[in-house]
Amino acid sequence: MMQDTTGPVAAEMTERLTAALNPTALTVTDDSEAHRGHGGHDARGESHLTVDIVSAAFAGQSRVARQRMVNHALADLLRERVHALVIKARAPGEA
């Protein structure tokens, strides 16, 4: 199940991850407000995000390989706009 996102960065992340990994479930959550006043906080928001993604592309892949796949799909956003990203990447059927 795909979840609608509200901000432009989260929306772009959803679009890119959908194209790259064809997920069966994907949620992008903006955690920025919880980091107000911390390093890397951006007043525009969407500087700290969590990606929770389920994709068959992750089957048989290590945790590090899965994170690399997500990072690759989002590379320029991570360099230019996102300060911190939590990745929860699972294959279908994994808890």
Protein backbone atom coordinates (compact mmCIF):
# COMPACT_ATOMS: atom_id res chain seq x y z
CA MET A 1 0.00 0.00 0.00
CA MET A 2 1.42 3.37 -1.02
CA GLN A 3 0.93 6.30 1.32
CA ASP A 4 0.38 9.81 0.02
CA THR A 5 3.07 12.29 0.99
CA THR A 6 2.58 15.99 1.51
CA GLY A 7 5.91 17.78 1.03
CA PRO A 8 7.76 18.12 -2.27
CA VAL A 9 10.87 16.26 -1.08
CA ALA A 10 8.83 13.32 0.28
CA ALA A 11 6.79 13.28 -2.92
CA GLU A 12 9.95 13.20 -5.04
CA MET A 13 11.38 10.41 -2.88
CA THR A 14 8.17 8.40 -3.29
CA GLU A 15 8.27 8.85 -7.07
CA ARG A 16 11.92 7.83 -7.36
CA LEU A 17 11.65 4.82 -5.05
CA THR A 18 8.53 3.64 -6.85
CA ALA A 19 10.28 3.84 -10.22
CA ALA A 20 13.51 2.21 -9.01
CA LEU A 21 12.23 -0.52 -6.68
CA ASN A 22 8.54 -1.13 -7.53
CA PRO A 23 7.54 -1.40 -3.85
CA THR A 24 4.43 -3.14 -2.60
CA ALA A 25 4.38 -0.77 0.38
CA LEU A 26 6.07 2.58 0.83
CA THR A 27 5.79 5.29 3.45
CA VAL A 28 7.92 8.42 3.56
CA THR A 29 7.61 10.30 6.86
CA ASP A 30 8.92 13.79 7.59
CA ASP A 31 10.54 13.69 11.03
CA SER A 32 12.06 17.17 10.76
CA GLU A 33 9.99 18.86 13.45
CA ALA A 34 11.41 16.46 16.05
CA HIS A 35 14.88 17.78 15.13
CA ARG A 36 14.17 21.51 15.38
CA GLY A 37 17.24 23.20 16.87
CA HIS A 38 19.50 20.23 16.11
CA GLY A 39 22.28 20.15 13.55
CA GLY A 40 21.08 19.84 9.99
CA HIS A 41 17.55 21.09 10.73
CA ASP A 42 16.21 23.05 7.80
CA ALA A 43 13.46 25.62 8.41
CA ARG A 44 11.87 24.55 5.11
CA GLY A 45 11.24 21.12 6.66
CA GLU A 46 11.87 17.74 5.08
CA SER A 47 15.48 17.58 6.26
CA HIS A 48 15.02 14.46 8.42
CA LEU A 49 12.95 11.65 6.90
CA THR A 50 12.11 7.98 7.37
CA VAL A 51 11.53 5.62 4.46
CA ASP A 52 9.65 2.40 5.23
CA ILE A 53 9.67 0.29 2.07
CA VAL A 54 8.77 -3.28 1.11
CA SER A 55 10.02 -4.50 -2.25
CA ALA A 56 10.73 -7.85 -3.91
CA ALA A 57 14.01 -6.24 -5.08
CA PHE A 58 15.29 -6.66 -1.51
CA ALA A 59 14.81 -10.46 -1.43
CA GLY A 60 18.14 -12.14 -0.68
CA GLN A 61 19.89 -8.80 -0.15
CA SER A 62 21.76 -7.81 3.01
CA ARG A 63 20.66 -4.83 5.08
CA VAL A 64 23.58 -2.81 3.71
CA ALA A 65 22.78 -3.75 0.11
CA ARG A 66 19.16 -2.70 0.63
CA GLN A 67 20.23 0.66 2.06
CA ARG A 68 22.57 1.18 -0.87
CA MET A 69 19.70 0.52 -3.29
CA VAL A 70 17.57 3.17 -1.59
CA ASN A 71 20.49 5.61 -1.35
CA HIS A 72 21.26 5.12 -5.05
CA ALA A 73 17.68 5.98 -6.04
CA LEU A 74 17.79 9.14 -3.90
CA ALA A 75 21.46 10.14 -4.33
CA ASP A 76 21.19 13.80 -5.34
CA LEU A 77 18.36 14.50 -2.86
CA LEU A 78 20.52 13.11 -0.08
CA ARG A 79 23.47 15.28 -1.11
CA GLU A 80 21.53 18.49 -1.65
CA ARG A 81 18.45 18.52 0.56
CA VAL A 82 18.14 15.70 3.10
CA HIS A 83 20.28 15.81 6.24
CA ALA A 84 19.23 12.46 7.75
CA LEU A 85 17.39 9.41 6.40
CA VAL A 86 16.22 6.37 8.35
CA ILE A 87 15.72 3.39 6.05
CA LYS A 88 13.50 0.44 6.93
CA ALA A 89 13.77 -1.86 3.93
CA ARG A 90 12.15 -5.30 3.81
CA ALA A 91 11.28 -7.95 1.26
CA PRO A 92 7.65 -9.13 1.12
CA GLY A 93 6.87 -11.49 3.99
CA GLU A 94 9.56 -10.11 6.30
CA ALA A 95 8.45 -8.64 9.62
